[in-house]
Protein backbone atom coordinates (compact mmCIF):
# COMPACT_ATOMS: atom_id res chain seq x y z
CA MET A 1 -2.37 0.52 31.67
CA LEU A 2 -5.41 2.50 29.23
CA TYR A 3 -7.91 0.61 30.48
CA SER A 4 -7.32 1.66 34.21
CA GLN A 5 -6.07 5.23 33.22
CA ILE A 6 -9.82 6.09 31.40
CA LYS A 7 -11.37 3.89 34.28
CA ASN A 8 -10.27 5.81 37.20
CA CYS A 9 -10.95 9.23 35.09
CA ILE A 10 -14.61 7.89 34.76
CA ASP A 11 -15.01 7.35 38.22
CA ASP A 12 -13.11 10.87 39.73
CA MET A 13 -15.57 12.42 36.95
CA VAL A 14 -18.46 10.94 38.67
CA GLU A 15 -17.36 11.89 42.17
CA GLU A 16 -17.41 15.62 40.50
CA ILE A 17 -21.01 15.09 39.19
CA GLN A 18 -22.46 13.71 42.62
CA ALA A 19 -20.36 17.13 44.16
CA GLY A 20 -22.18 19.07 42.17
CA LYS A 21 -20.52 19.91 38.52
CA GLU A 22 -22.65 19.81 35.60
CA GLU A 23 -19.85 19.17 33.04
CA CYS A 24 -16.45 17.27 33.10
CA LYS A 25 -13.72 16.94 30.40
CA LYS A 26 -10.36 15.33 31.01
CA ILE A 27 -7.50 14.65 28.20
CA ILE A 28 -5.22 11.96 28.31
CA THR A 29 -2.91 10.74 26.24
CA PHE A 30 -1.32 7.22 25.35
CA ASN A 31 1.62 6.40 23.47
CA LEU A 32 1.02 4.46 20.03
CA ILE A 33 4.58 4.36 19.01
CA LYS A 34 7.89 5.54 19.45
CA ASP A 35 7.13 9.11 20.53
CA GLN A 36 4.16 9.69 18.90
CA ASN A 37 1.26 10.29 21.50
CA VAL A 38 -2.31 10.11 20.86
CA PRO A 39 -4.99 12.30 23.24
CA THR A 40 -7.94 10.57 24.23
CA THR A 41 -10.84 13.20 25.34
CA ILE A 42 -13.06 11.92 28.40
CA GLN A 43 -16.47 14.03 28.54
CA ALA A 44 -19.17 13.80 31.38
CA LYS A 45 -22.17 15.32 31.35
CA LEU A 46 -25.19 15.45 33.73
CA LEU A 47 -28.50 14.75 31.93
CA TYR A 48 -30.20 16.84 34.59
CA PRO A 49 -33.99 15.56 34.75
CA LEU A 50 -33.12 12.02 34.32
CA ASP A 51 -30.27 12.23 37.09
CA GLN A 52 -28.16 10.48 34.84
CA ILE A 53 -24.35 10.87 33.06
CA LYS A 54 -23.64 10.77 29.72
CA PHE A 55 -20.08 9.47 28.92
CA THR A 56 -18.44 9.84 25.58
CA ILE A 57 -14.52 9.11 24.71
CA PHE A 58 -13.31 10.62 21.37
CA CYS A 59 -10.13 10.13 20.02
CA PRO A 60 -9.35 11.69 16.65
CA PHE A 61 -7.23 8.97 15.99
CA LEU A 62 -9.69 6.62 15.52
CA LEU A 63 -11.93 8.83 12.66
CA VAL A 64 -12.49 6.32 10.52
CA ASP A 65 -15.48 5.12 8.16
CA PRO A 66 -18.08 4.50 9.72
CA ILE A 67 -17.99 6.79 12.59
CA VAL A 68 -17.14 4.85 16.02
CA ASP A 69 -19.29 6.61 18.67
CA PHE A 70 -18.00 5.63 21.96
CA VAL A 71 -21.22 6.47 24.23
CA GLU A 72 -22.69 5.67 27.28
CA ILE A 73 -25.26 6.23 29.89
CA TYR A 74 -24.86 5.86 33.31
CA GLN A 75 -27.60 6.05 36.25
CA LEU A 76 -26.14 7.05 39.05
CA GLY A 77 -26.19 4.17 41.26
CA SER A 78 -27.10 1.53 39.17
CA GLU A 79 -24.74 -1.65 38.71
CA GLU A 80 -25.84 -2.70 35.13
CA ASP A 81 -25.02 0.61 33.93
CA TYR A 82 -21.65 1.02 35.39
CA PHE A 83 -20.80 -2.67 34.33
CA ARG A 84 -21.93 -1.43 30.42
CA LEU A 85 -19.53 1.63 31.21
CA LEU A 86 -17.05 -0.49 31.74
CA LYS A 87 -17.74 -2.86 28.70
CA LEU A 88 -17.60 0.62 26.99
CA ILE A 89 -13.99 1.47 28.44
CA SER A 90 -12.69 -2.54 27.50
CA LYS A 91 -14.13 -2.17 23.71
CA PHE A 92 -12.22 1.13 23.52
CA SER A 93 -8.66 0.39 25.27
CA THR A 94 -9.08 -3.19 22.97
CA MET A 95 -9.51 -1.54 19.76
CA VAL A 96 -6.63 0.99 20.46
CA ASP A 97 -4.64 -1.52 21.46
CA MET A 98 -5.78 -3.53 18.19
CA ILE A 99 -4.90 -0.46 16.14
CA LYS A 100 -1.10 0.08 18.12
CA THR A 101 -0.52 -3.88 17.33
CA TRP A 102 -1.59 -3.19 13.40
CA VAL A 103 1.01 0.17 13.01
CA ILE A 104 4.25 -1.45 14.96
CA LYS A 105 3.60 -5.05 12.30
CA GLU A 106 2.21 -2.71 9.32
CA ALA A 107 3.58 0.91 9.18
CA PRO A 108 6.61 0.43 11.39
CA ASP A 109 7.83 3.72 9.70
CA MET A 110 5.10 5.74 10.44
CA ILE A 111 6.11 9.18 11.38
CA ARG A 112 3.01 10.95 12.33
CA TRP A 113 -0.86 10.26 12.43
CA GLY A 114 -4.12 11.93 11.16
CA GLU A 115 -7.36 11.69 11.76
CA GLY A 116 -8.15 8.06 10.19
CA VAL A 117 -4.14 7.92 8.94
CA ILE A 118 -0.93 7.52 9.42
CA PHE A 119 2.18 8.88 7.38
CA ASP A 120 5.21 7.18 6.59
CA LYS A 121 8.70 8.77 6.09
CA ASN A 122 7.93 9.06 2.08
CA GLY A 123 4.68 10.93 2.07
CA ARG A 124 2.28 8.36 1.96
CA THR A 125 -0.88 8.06 3.69
CA THR A 126 -2.28 4.62 5.30
CA LYS A 127 -6.20 4.38 5.93
CA ILE A 128 -6.22 2.95 9.74
CA PRO A 129 -8.32 0.05 9.30
CA TYR A 130 -11.58 -0.39 11.52
CA MET A 131 -11.54 -3.39 13.85
CA VAL A 132 -14.92 -4.60 14.44
CA PHE A 133 -15.38 -7.56 17.20
C-alpha cells in the first residue's frame, strides 16, 4: 500500500514537472502502530540544464545512524532511470515495513516516536534499528 501510494505521488510529480513546475513537494502518512501516523515527504526538483528530476524521500522516523538517503535522479523518458526510481521506492517501503514489524514485535507498548527513537509508556527510549538489506 505504501509502495503504490509513493509511486502514484511520484508519477503525479513527473506530470506536474513536465507541465512546467520546477519543484514539487508532497507529504503522505502511513500508520505505524495503533493511531501513530508517520509523515513522509516526497520532493521532486527539476535539474534544468540536465533535464533531469531529483527525487528525495524523507521520513523523520528513519533518522538513524548511519544516515540513510533515499535520493534518485530520473532522466525524463529513460526506462532505466524509472526502474531505479521504482527500486528506490521498493527499498524505502520495505525498510518501513521491516521497522513496523520490529515495533509491533519488540515495542508494542510504544506511545510515541521521535527522530530515530520510540518512547514507551514508562518514558524510556529505544533506538530504531537500521536494517541493511
